[in-house]
Amino acid sequence: MRGPIPPRLSKWPFLLSDALLLALAFLIFVQSRLPMGPWEVLSCTLCVAVGAGCGALPYVLEYRVLTKLILADHLADATAGLRKLEQLAGQISQATSLWQTVQESAGKTAATAKEMADRMAAEVKDFNEFLKHANEGEKSALRLEVGKLRRAESDWLQVLVRMLDHIYALHQAALRSRQPSLIDQLGQFQNVCRDTARRVGLSPFVAAPAEAFDGERHQLLDADAKPEPGATVEETLATGYTFQGKLLRPAVVRLRNANGSSLSHADDAAPEDGSEQNPMPTASPRPESP
């Protein structure tokens, strides 16, 4: 809201008076002899002071009028604010009269909401119990199925390892027979069988001759025997296996001492009936993942 326009005071008479007084002071200064007398100094000072007062007087008067107008404007705003406060007080009294009705309605609504919340909590509790029992039943069924699958995996893994052990024994027997055609046929058959086993994650491996004995990848036919320091592998008696990158069974080997003599055990000797003995330890089952 724009305030009232202050009246404009004509300033040229005051400025003209200021100019005349300053001119009079200059005239007195010019016509006087130096040094100036006290009356002349007093006249010049009085002319300059009165001239300055005449020049500043219109601005002072305008400032006083503007201040009074602003004060009146503020008083009008305060009066309008008081009227608004009176209207607000009337509205507050009306709202207070309706407050009791609203409070009663709010109490009824709160009671209804509490009842609905209790019912929802009971329904949620029953539903959680149902889900808990259902999850326990599903977990039990899944554990049973996983156990069956692991037992089946262990069974077919044992069968596959046993077959590869027999094929390795046949190949060793062919090597001892020194028949090139038989050695070639059984070697190809063993390679095909090993490639097939690798497709399901079972990888056979043998120890190379003169390879240093490694307690993690090699084992003796006699589990209680202790290899001497510096002993090397002379012959692989049974193939070792890894399943999906994890060691399933170490390779069974015959060792040679550091002095070049072969380590012989009672189990390494051939039977008296002349049949070829092939040690085939049972593969340990695959470790169950948690």
C-alpha atoms as a PDB file:
ATOM      1  CA  MET A   1       0.000   0.000   0.000  1.00  0.00           C
ATOM      2  CA  ARG A   2       1.455   3.373  -1.059  1.00  0.00           C
ATOM      3  CA  GLY A   3       1.672   6.097   1.596  1.00  0.00           C
ATOM      4  CA  PRO A   4       0.411   9.674   1.131  1.00  0.00           C
ATOM      5  CA  ILE A   5       2.478  11.952  -1.120  1.00  0.00           C
ATOM      6  CA  PRO A   6       4.341  14.553   1.002  1.00  0.00           C
ATOM      7  CA  PRO A   7       3.813  18.215   0.001  1.00  0.00           C
ATOM      8  CA  ARG A   8       6.538  19.860  -2.026  1.00  0.00           C
ATOM      9  CA  LEU A   9       8.094  23.024  -0.601  1.00  0.00           C
ATOM     10  CA  SER A  10       9.464  25.580  -3.042  1.00  0.00           C
ATOM     11  CA  LYS A  11      13.214  25.872  -2.334  1.00  0.00           C
ATOM     12  CA  TRP A  12      14.276  28.711  -4.642  1.00  0.00           C
ATOM     13  CA  PRO A  13      13.522  31.556  -2.182  1.00  0.00           C
ATOM     14  CA  PHE A  14      15.726  29.921   0.450  1.00  0.00           C
ATOM     15  CA  LEU A  15      18.487  29.211  -2.032  1.00  0.00           C
ATOM     16  CA  LEU A  16      18.266  32.801  -3.323  1.00  0.00           C
ATOM     17  CA  SER A  17      18.553  34.137   0.228  1.00  0.00           C
ATOM     18  CA  ASP A  18      21.560  31.853   0.789  1.00  0.00           C
ATOM     19  CA  ALA A  19      23.211  33.155  -2.386  1.00  0.00           C
ATOM     20  CA  LEU A  20      22.568  36.806  -1.453  1.00  0.00           C
ATOM     21  CA  LEU A  21      24.003  36.376   2.034  1.00  0.00           C
ATOM     22  CA  LEU A  22      27.071  34.622   0.683  1.00  0.00           C
ATOM     23  CA  ALA A  23      27.487  37.436  -1.862  1.00  0.00           C
ATOM     24  CA  LEU A  24      27.172  40.011   0.932  1.00  0.00           C
ATOM     25  CA  ALA A  25      29.831  38.196   2.971  1.00  0.00           C
ATOM     26  CA  PHE A  26      32.124  38.168  -0.072  1.00  0.00           C
ATOM     27  CA  LEU A  27      31.535  41.875  -0.682  1.00  0.00           C
ATOM     28  CA  ILE A  28      32.416  42.681   2.922  1.00  0.00           C
ATOM     29  CA  PHE A  29      35.575  40.605   2.620  1.00  0.00           C
ATOM     30  CA  VAL A  30      36.613  42.322  -0.618  1.00  0.00           C
ATOM     31  CA  GLN A  31      36.000  45.918   0.564  1.00  0.00           C
ATOM     32  CA  SER A  32      37.638  45.458   3.969  1.00  0.00           C
ATOM     33  CA  ARG A  33      41.301  46.063   4.580  1.00  0.00           C
ATOM     34  CA  LEU A  34      43.547  43.310   5.771  1.00  0.00           C
ATOM     35  CA  PRO A  35      43.661  42.421   8.479  1.00  0.00           C
ATOM     36  CA  MET A  36      39.906  42.478   8.913  1.00  0.00           C
ATOM     37  CA  GLY A  37      38.361  44.123  11.920  1.00  0.00           C
ATOM     38  CA  PRO A  38      36.263  42.250  14.454  1.00  0.00           C
ATOM     39  CA  TRP A  39      33.024  43.773  13.150  1.00  0.00           C
ATOM     40  CA  GLU A  40      33.856  42.769   9.630  1.00  0.00           C
ATOM     41  CA  VAL A  41      34.734  39.170  10.693  1.00  0.00           C
ATOM     42  CA  LEU A  42      31.516  38.986  12.713  1.00  0.00           C
ATOM     43  CA  SER A  43      29.460  40.262   9.740  1.00  0.00           C
ATOM     44  CA  CYS A  44      30.999  37.754   7.315  1.00  0.00           C
ATOM     45  CA  THR A  45      30.483  34.889   9.775  1.00  0.00           C
ATOM     46  CA  LEU A  46      26.905  35.918  10.451  1.00  0.00           C
ATOM     47  CA  CYS A  47      26.113  36.179   6.722  1.00  0.00           C
ATOM     48  CA  VAL A  48      27.623  32.738   5.993  1.00  0.00           C
ATOM     49  CA  ALA A  49      25.834  31.113   8.988  1.00  0.00           C
ATOM     50  CA  VAL A  50      22.440  32.645   8.120  1.00  0.00           C
ATOM     51  CA  GLY A  51      22.922  31.736   4.443  1.00  0.00           C
ATOM     52  CA  ALA A  52      23.720  28.100   5.391  1.00  0.00           C
ATOM     53  CA  GLY A  53      20.616  28.052   7.619  1.00  0.00           C
ATOM     54  CA  CYS A  54      18.460  29.363   4.769  1.00  0.00           C
ATOM     55  CA  GLY A  55      19.838  26.693   2.403  1.00  0.00           C
ATOM     56  CA  ALA A  56      19.219  23.822   4.819  1.00  0.00           C
ATOM     57  CA  LEU A  57      15.859  25.000   6.177  1.00  0.00           C
ATOM     58  CA  PRO A  58      13.586  23.650   3.357  1.00  0.00           C
ATOM     59  CA  TYR A  59      15.131  20.202   3.587  1.00  0.00           C
ATOM     60  CA  VAL A  60      14.673  20.127   7.376  1.00  0.00           C
ATOM     61  CA  LEU A  61      11.033  21.153   7.003  1.00  0.00           C
ATOM     62  CA  GLU A  62      10.412  18.467   4.351  1.00  0.00           C
ATOM     63  CA  TYR A  63      12.049  15.862   6.608  1.00  0.00           C
ATOM     64  CA  ARG A  64       9.779  16.760   9.541  1.00  0.00           C
ATOM     65  CA  VAL A  65       6.677  16.580   7.369  1.00  0.00           C
ATOM     66  CA  LEU A  66       7.747  13.230   5.894  1.00  0.00           C
ATOM     67  CA  THR A  67       8.413  11.852   9.387  1.00  0.00           C
ATOM     68  CA  LYS A  68       4.946  12.855  10.559  1.00  0.00           C
ATOM     69  CA  LEU A  69       3.369  11.290   7.479  1.00  0.00           C
ATOM     70  CA  ILE A  70       5.247   8.008   8.039  1.00  0.00           C
ATOM     71  CA  LEU A  71       4.183   8.001  11.688  1.00  0.00           C
ATOM     72  CA  ALA A  72       0.570   8.551  10.654  1.00  0.00           C
ATOM     73  CA  ASP A  73       0.862   5.741   8.118  1.00  0.00           C
ATOM     74  CA  HIS A  74       2.220   3.407  10.802  1.00  0.00           C
ATOM     75  CA  LEU A  75      -0.628   4.388  13.121  1.00  0.00           C
ATOM     76  CA  ALA A  76      -3.116   3.562  10.367  1.00  0.00           C
ATOM     77  CA  ASP A  77      -1.463   0.179   9.828  1.00  0.00           C
ATOM     78  CA  ALA A  78      -1.575  -0.497  13.563  1.00  0.00           C
ATOM     79  CA  THR A  79      -5.273   0.414  13.639  1.00  0.00           C
ATOM     80  CA  ALA A  80      -5.951  -1.979  10.732  1.00  0.00           C
ATOM     81  CA  GLY A  81      -3.982  -4.675  12.559  1.00  0.00           C
ATOM     82  CA  LEU A  82      -6.061  -4.184  15.665  1.00  0.00           C
ATOM     83  CA  ARG A  83      -9.223  -4.548  13.623  1.00  0.00           C
ATOM     84  CA  LYS A  84      -7.861  -7.785  12.159  1.00  0.00           C
ATOM     85  CA  LEU A  85      -7.047  -8.995  15.670  1.00  0.00           C
ATOM     86  CA  GLU A  86     -10.627  -8.336  16.675  1.00  0.00           C
ATOM     87  CA  GLN A  87     -11.854 -10.370  13.727  1.00  0.00           C
ATOM     88  CA  LEU A  88      -9.350 -13.135  14.601  1.00  0.00           C
ATOM     89  CA  ALA A  89     -10.582 -13.149  18.189  1.00  0.00           C
ATOM     90  CA  GLY A  90     -14.125 -13.639  16.908  1.00  0.00           C
ATOM     91  CA  GLN A  91     -13.013 -16.540  14.730  1.00  0.00           C
ATOM     92  CA  ILE A  92     -11.114 -18.091  17.663  1.00  0.00           C
ATOM     93  CA  SER A  93     -14.244 -17.905  19.813  1.00  0.00           C
ATOM     94  CA  GLN A  94     -16.223 -19.665  17.089  1.00  0.00           C
ATOM     95  CA  ALA A  95     -13.512 -22.332  16.736  1.00  0.00           C
ATOM     96  CA  THR A  96     -13.504 -22.844  20.505  1.00  0.00           C
ATOM     97  CA  SER A  97     -17.239 -23.452  20.448  1.00  0.00           C
ATOM     98  CA  LEU A  98     -16.734 -26.148  17.791  1.00  0.00           C
ATOM     99  CA  TRP A  99     -13.696 -27.695  19.504  1.00  0.00           C
ATOM    100  CA  GLN A 100     -15.702 -29.905  21.837  1.00  0.00           C
ATOM    101  CA  THR A 101     -17.608 -31.459  18.937  1.00  0.00           C
ATOM    102  CA  VAL A 102     -14.377 -32.038  17.040  1.00  0.00           C
ATOM    103  CA  GLN A 103     -12.769 -33.585  20.135  1.00  0.00           C
ATOM    104  CA  GLU A 104     -15.619 -36.039  20.554  1.00  0.00           C
ATOM    105  CA  SER A 105     -15.403 -37.022  16.878  1.00  0.00           C
ATOM    106  CA  ALA A 106     -11.628 -37.438  17.192  1.00  0.00           C
ATOM    107  CA  GLY A 107     -12.075 -39.691  20.231  1.00  0.00           C
ATOM    108  CA  LYS A 108     -14.463 -41.929  18.334  1.00  0.00           C
ATOM    109  CA  THR A 109     -12.091 -42.024  15.354  1.00  0.00           C
ATOM    110  CA  ALA A 110      -9.125 -42.884  17.587  1.00  0.00           C
ATOM    111  CA  ALA A 111     -11.065 -45.726  19.220  1.00  0.00           C
ATOM    112  CA  THR A 112     -12.032 -47.113  15.808  1.00  0.00           C
ATOM    113  CA  ALA A 113      -8.435 -46.829  14.560  1.00  0.00           C
ATOM    114  CA  LYS A 114      -7.121 -48.622  17.652  1.00  0.00           C
ATOM    115  CA  GLU A 115      -9.590 -51.452  17.156  1.00  0.00           C
ATOM    116  CA  MET A 116      -8.574 -51.774  13.501  1.00  0.00           C
ATOM    117  CA  ALA A 117      -4.884 -51.719  14.458  1.00  0.00           C
ATOM    118  CA  ASP A 118      -5.436 -54.512  16.990  1.00  0.00           C
ATOM    119  CA  ARG A 119      -7.226 -56.598  14.385  1.00  0.00           C
ATOM    120  CA  MET A 120      -4.464 -55.964  11.835  1.00  0.00           C
ATOM    121  CA  ALA A 121      -1.799 -56.908  14.387  1.00  0.00           C
ATOM    122  CA  ALA A 122      -3.624 -60.176  15.106  1.00  0.00           C
ATOM    123  CA  GLU A 123      -3.922 -60.922  11.376  1.00  0.00           C
ATOM    124  CA  VAL A 124      -0.234 -60.144  10.815  1.00  0.00           C
ATOM    125  CA  LYS A 125       0.752 -62.394  13.716  1.00  0.00           C
ATOM    126  CA  ASP A 126      -1.322 -65.271  12.338  1.00  0.00           C
ATOM    127  CA  PHE A 127       0.112 -64.726   8.864  1.00  0.00           C
ATOM    128  CA  ASN A 128       3.687 -64.685  10.209  1.00  0.00           C
ATOM    129  CA  GLU A 129       3.041 -67.922  12.066  1.00  0.00           C
ATOM    130  CA  PHE A 130       1.679 -69.461   8.876  1.00  0.00           C
ATOM    131  CA  LEU A 131       4.722 -68.299   6.902  1.00  0.00           C
ATOM    132  CA  LYS A 132       7.044 -69.605   9.602  1.00  0.00           C
ATOM    133  CA  HIS A 133       5.502 -73.073   9.523  1.00  0.00           C
ATOM    134  CA  ALA A 134       5.469 -73.045   5.717  1.00  0.00           C
ATOM    135  CA  ASN A 135       9.134 -72.003   5.579  1.00  0.00           C
ATOM    136  CA  GLU A 136      10.131 -74.660   8.069  1.00  0.00           C
ATOM    137  CA  GLY A 137       8.321 -77.298   5.999  1.00  0.00           C
ATOM    138  CA  GLU A 138       9.950 -76.086   2.782  1.00  0.00           C
ATOM    139  CA  LYS A 139      13.379 -75.960   4.418  1.00  0.00           C
ATOM    140  CA  SER A 140      12.968 -79.507   5.714  1.00  0.00           C
ATOM    141  CA  ALA A 141      11.931 -80.708   2.269  1.00  0.00           C
ATOM    142  CA  LEU A 142      14.855 -78.859   0.671  1.00  0.00           C
ATOM    143  CA  ARG A 143      17.313 -80.307   3.205  1.00  0.00           C
ATOM    144  CA  LEU A 144      16.000 -83.789   2.442  1.00  0.00           C
ATOM    145  CA  GLU A 145      16.320 -83.235  -1.297  1.00  0.00           C
ATOM    146  CA  VAL A 146      19.807 -81.738  -0.939  1.00  0.00           C
ATOM    147  CA  GLY A 147      20.846 -84.716   1.194  1.00  0.00           C
ATOM    148  CA  LYS A 148      19.532 -87.104  -1.441  1.00  0.00           C
ATOM    149  CA  LEU A 149      21.341 -85.225  -4.202  1.00  0.00           C
ATOM    150  CA  ARG A 150      24.606 -85.233  -2.252  1.00  0.00           C
ATOM    151  CA  ARG A 151      24.314 -88.951  -1.556  1.00  0.00           C
ATOM    152  CA  ALA A 152      23.542 -89.589  -5.224  1.00  0.00           C
ATOM    153  CA  GLU A 153      26.506 -87.426  -6.228  1.00  0.00           C
ATOM    154  CA  SER A 154      28.777 -89.305  -3.849  1.00  0.00           C
ATOM    155  CA  ASP A 155      27.514 -92.650  -5.196  1.00  0.00           C
ATOM    156  CA  TRP A 156      28.033 -91.884  -8.872  1.00  0.00           C
ATOM    157  CA  LEU A 157      31.358 -90.232  -8.054  1.00  0.00           C
ATOM    158  CA  GLN A 158      32.526 -93.432  -6.319  1.00  0.00           C
ATOM    159  CA  VAL A 159      31.359 -95.505  -9.297  1.00  0.00           C
ATOM    160  CA  LEU A 160      33.126 -93.233 -11.784  1.00  0.00           C
ATOM    161  CA  VAL A 161      36.361 -93.223  -9.764  1.00  0.00           C
ATOM    162  CA  ARG A 162      36.211 -97.018  -9.497  1.00  0.00           C
ATOM    163  CA  MET A 163      35.756 -97.393 -13.237  1.00  0.00           C
ATOM    164  CA  LEU A 164      38.661 -95.069 -13.971  1.00  0.00           C
ATOM    165  CA  ASP A 165      40.810 -97.021 -11.501  1.00  0.00           C
ATOM    166  CA  HIS A 166      40.033-100.263 -13.329  1.00  0.00           C
ATOM    167  CA  ILE A 167      40.764 -98.643 -16.692  1.00  0.00           C
ATOM    168  CA  TYR A 168      44.099 -97.375 -15.332  1.00  0.00           C
ATOM    169  CA  ALA A 169      44.884-100.899 -14.089  1.00  0.00           C
ATOM    170  CA  LEU A 170      44.093-102.317 -17.546  1.00  0.00           C
ATOM    171  CA  HIS A 171      46.405 -99.757 -19.152  1.00  0.00           C
ATOM    172  CA  GLN A 172      49.206-100.608 -16.714  1.00  0.00           C
ATOM    173  CA  ALA A 173      48.722-104.293 -17.498  1.00  0.00           C
ATOM    174  CA  ALA A 174      48.945-103.489 -21.219  1.00  0.00           C
ATOM    175  CA  LEU A 175      52.202-101.607 -20.601  1.00  0.00           C
ATOM    176  CA  ARG A 176      53.611-104.637 -18.798  1.00  0.00           C
ATOM    177  CA  SER A 177      52.519-106.908 -21.677  1.00  0.00           C
ATOM    178  CA  ARG A 178      54.635-104.828 -24.102  1.00  0.00           C
ATOM    179  CA  GLN A 179      52.156-105.287 -26.941  1.00  0.00           C
ATOM    180  CA  PRO A 180      52.061-102.032 -28.921  1.00  0.00           C
ATOM    181  CA  SER A 181      48.597-102.542 -30.420  1.00  0.00           C
ATOM    182  CA  LEU A 182      47.051-103.372 -27.060  1.00  0.00           C
ATOM    183  CA  ILE A 183      48.873-100.466 -25.376  1.00  0.00           C
ATOM    184  CA  ASP A 184      47.642 -98.068 -28.068  1.00  0.00           C
ATOM    185  CA  GLN A 185      44.018 -99.253 -27.900  1.00  0.00           C
ATOM    186  CA  LEU A 186      43.826 -99.178 -24.107  1.00  0.00           C
ATOM    187  CA  GLY A 187      45.594 -95.785 -24.029  1.00  0.00           C
ATOM    188  CA  GLN A 188      43.031 -94.278 -26.391  1.00  0.00           C
ATOM    189  CA  PHE A 189      40.196 -95.847 -24.396  1.00  0.00           C
ATOM    190  CA  GLN A 190      41.614 -94.437 -21.137  1.00  0.00           C
ATOM    191  CA  ASN A 191      41.984 -90.942 -22.656  1.00  0.00           C
ATOM    192  CA  VAL A 192      38.389 -90.974 -23.914  1.00  0.00           C
ATOM    193  CA  CYS A 193      37.101 -92.062 -20.513  1.00  0.00           C
ATOM    194  CA  ARG A 194      39.139 -89.358 -18.750  1.00  0.00           C
ATOM    195  CA  ASP A 195      37.875 -86.659 -21.141  1.00  0.00           C
ATOM    196  CA  THR A 196      34.316 -87.770 -20.402  1.00  0.00           C
ATOM    197  CA  ALA A 197      34.993 -87.588 -16.647  1.00  0.00           C
ATOM    198  CA  ARG A 198      36.443 -84.091 -16.987  1.00  0.00           C
ATOM    199  CA  ARG A 199      33.146 -82.863 -18.432  1.00  0.00           C
ATOM    200  CA  VAL A 200      31.456 -83.486 -15.062  1.00  0.00           C
ATOM    201  CA  GLY A 201      34.342 -81.942 -13.107  1.00  0.00           C
ATOM    202  CA  LEU A 202      36.338 -85.107 -12.249  1.00  0.00           C
ATOM    203  CA  SER A 203      39.987 -84.740 -13.310  1.00  0.00           C
ATOM    204  CA  PRO A 204      42.438 -87.647 -12.825  1.00  0.00           C
ATOM    205  CA  PHE A 205      46.163 -87.008 -12.417  1.00  0.00           C
ATOM    206  CA  VAL A 206      49.279 -89.193 -12.018  1.00  0.00           C
ATOM    207  CA  ALA A 207      52.646 -88.450 -10.486  1.00  0.00           C
ATOM    208  CA  ALA A 208      55.520 -88.094 -12.921  1.00  0.00           C
ATOM    209  CA  PRO A 209      58.514 -90.394 -12.413  1.00  0.00           C
ATOM    210  CA  ALA A 210      61.306 -88.823 -10.344  1.00  0.00           C
ATOM    211  CA  GLU A 211      58.847 -86.213  -9.051  1.00  0.00           C
ATOM    212  CA  ALA A 212      59.469 -85.122  -5.460  1.00  0.00           C
ATOM    213  CA  PHE A 213      57.004 -86.603  -2.967  1.00  0.00           C
ATOM    214  CA  ASP A 214      54.238 -84.122  -2.012  1.00  0.00           C
ATOM    215  CA  GLY A 215      52.248 -85.070   1.062  1.00  0.00           C
ATOM    216  CA  GLU A 216      49.173 -83.183  -0.193  1.00  0.00           C
ATOM    217  CA  ARG A 217      49.009 -84.755  -3.677  1.00  0.00           C
ATOM    218  CA  HIS A 218      50.679 -88.114  -3.036  1.00  0.00           C
ATOM    219  CA  GLN A 219      50.186 -90.949  -0.588  1.00  0.00           C
ATOM    220  CA  LEU A 220      51.795 -94.319   0.043  1.00  0.00           C
ATOM    221  CA  LEU A 221      49.960 -97.609  -0.161  1.00  0.00           C
ATOM    222  CA  ASP A 222      50.733 -98.076   3.520  1.00  0.00           C
ATOM    223  CA  ALA A 223      49.115 -95.090   5.204  1.00  0.00           C
ATOM    224  CA  ASP A 224      51.306 -95.510   8.315  1.00  0.00           C
ATOM    225  CA  ALA A 225      54.585 -95.480   6.348  1.00  0.00           C
ATOM    226  CA  LYS A 226      56.745 -92.358   6.574  1.00  0.00           C
ATOM    227  CA  PRO A 227      58.678 -91.341   3.428  1.00  0.00           C
ATOM    228  CA  GLU A 228      62.344 -90.536   3.864  1.00  0.00           C
ATOM    229  CA  PRO A 229      63.575 -86.992   3.139  1.00  0.00           C
ATOM    230  CA  GLY A 230      64.462 -86.551  -0.532  1.00  0.00           C
ATOM    231  CA  ALA A 231      62.423 -89.558  -1.690  1.00  0.00           C
ATOM    232  CA  THR A 232      61.056 -89.310  -5.242  1.00  0.00           C
ATOM    233  CA  VAL A 233      58.225 -91.039  -7.060  1.00  0.00           C
ATOM    234  CA  GLU A 234      59.154 -94.213  -8.869  1.00  0.00           C
ATOM    235  CA  GLU A 235      55.724 -95.346 -10.057  1.00  0.00           C
ATOM    236  CA  THR A 236      52.057 -94.340  -9.745  1.00  0.00           C
ATOM    237  CA  LEU A 237      50.027 -97.247  -8.383  1.00  0.00           C
ATOM    238  CA  ALA A 238      46.616 -95.550  -8.394  1.00  0.00           C
ATOM    239  CA  THR A 239      45.443 -92.337 -10.026  1.00  0.00           C
ATOM    240  CA  GLY A 240      44.677 -89.258  -7.974  1.00  0.00           C
ATOM    241  CA  TYR A 241      41.545 -87.181  -8.584  1.00  0.00           C
ATOM    242  CA  THR A 242      40.292 -83.632  -8.219  1.00  0.00           C
ATOM    243  CA  PHE A 243      36.592 -82.778  -8.370  1.00  0.00           C
ATOM    244  CA  GLN A 244      35.635 -79.259  -9.445  1.00  0.00           C
ATOM    245  CA  GLY A 245      39.068 -77.945  -8.488  1.00  0.00           C
ATOM    246  CA  LYS A 246      39.156 -79.626  -5.028  1.00  0.00           C
ATOM    247  CA  LEU A 247      41.383 -82.569  -4.197  1.00  0.00           C
ATOM    248  CA  LEU A 248      39.251 -85.726  -4.000  1.00  0.00           C
ATOM    249  CA  ARG A 249      41.954 -88.372  -3.563  1.00  0.00           C
ATOM    250  CA  PRO A 250      45.759 -88.199  -3.666  1.00  0.00           C
ATOM    251  CA  ALA A 251      47.665 -90.364  -6.107  1.00  0.00           C
ATOM    252  CA  VAL A 252      49.006 -93.637  -4.593  1.00  0.00           C
ATOM    253  CA  VAL A 253      52.703 -93.915  -5.461  1.00  0.00           C
ATOM    254  CA  ARG A 254      55.748 -96.099  -4.900  1.00  0.00           C
ATOM    255  CA  LEU A 255      58.782 -94.093  -3.792  1.00  0.00           C
ATOM    256  CA  ARG A 256      62.489 -94.307  -4.441  1.00  0.00           C
ATOM    257  CA  ASN A 257      64.972 -93.229  -1.764  1.00  0.00           C
ATOM    258  CA  ALA A 258      67.556 -90.566  -2.289  1.00  0.00           C
ATOM    259  CA  ASN A 259      70.204 -93.317  -2.726  1.00  0.00           C
ATOM    260  CA  GLY A 260      68.257 -94.774  -5.695  1.00  0.00           C
ATOM    261  CA  SER A 261      66.824 -97.880  -3.975  1.00  0.00           C
ATOM    262  CA  SER A 262      63.112 -98.604  -4.314  1.00  0.00           C
ATOM    263  CA  LEU A 263      60.901 -98.538  -1.231  1.00  0.00           C
ATOM    264  CA  SER A 264      59.224-101.939  -1.124  1.00  0.00           C
ATOM    265  CA  HIS A 265      56.279-102.808   1.077  1.00  0.00           C
ATOM    266  CA  ALA A 266      54.593-106.066   1.710  1.00  0.00           C
ATOM    267  CA  ASP A 267      51.467-104.769  -0.045  1.00  0.00           C
ATOM    268  CA  ASP A 268      53.436-103.963  -3.245  1.00  0.00           C
ATOM    269  CA  ALA A 269      54.382-107.582  -3.916  1.00  0.00           C
ATOM    270  CA  ALA A 270      52.450-109.557  -6.520  1.00  0.00           C
ATOM    271  CA  PRO A 271      50.278-112.473  -5.337  1.00  0.00           C
ATOM    272  CA  GLU A 272      51.572-115.997  -5.537  1.00  0.00           C
ATOM    273  CA  ASP A 273      48.962-117.035  -8.147  1.00  0.00           C
ATOM    274  CA  GLY A 274      50.581-114.636 -10.664  1.00  0.00           C
ATOM    275  CA  SER A 275      47.609-112.266 -10.975  1.00  0.00           C
ATOM    276  CA  GLU A 276      48.403-108.543 -11.223  1.00  0.00           C
ATOM    277  CA  GLN A 277      47.604-106.661  -8.043  1.00  0.00           C
ATOM    278  CA  ASN A 278      46.284-103.113  -8.565  1.00  0.00           C
ATOM    279  CA  PRO A 279      45.662-101.071  -5.448  1.00  0.00           C
ATOM    280  CA  MET A 280      42.569 -98.883  -5.835  1.00  0.00           C
ATOM    281  CA  PRO A 281      41.820 -96.874  -2.667  1.00  0.00           C
ATOM    282  CA  THR A 282      38.315 -95.646  -2.283  1.00  0.00           C
ATOM    283  CA  ALA A 283      37.794 -91.986  -3.145  1.00  0.00           C
ATOM    284  CA  SER A 284      36.714 -89.811  -0.291  1.00  0.00           C
ATOM    285  CA  PRO A 285      33.265 -88.280  -0.781  1.00  0.00           C
ATOM    286  CA  ARG A 286      32.996 -84.701  -1.907  1.00  0.00           C
ATOM    287  CA  PRO A 287      32.961 -82.292   1.051  1.00  0.00           C
ATOM    288  CA  GLU A 288      29.488 -80.901   1.640  1.00  0.00           C
ATOM    289  CA  SER A 289      29.163 -77.189   1.286  1.00  0.00           C
ATOM    290  CA  PRO A 290      27.510 -75.471   4.215  1.00  0.00           C
END
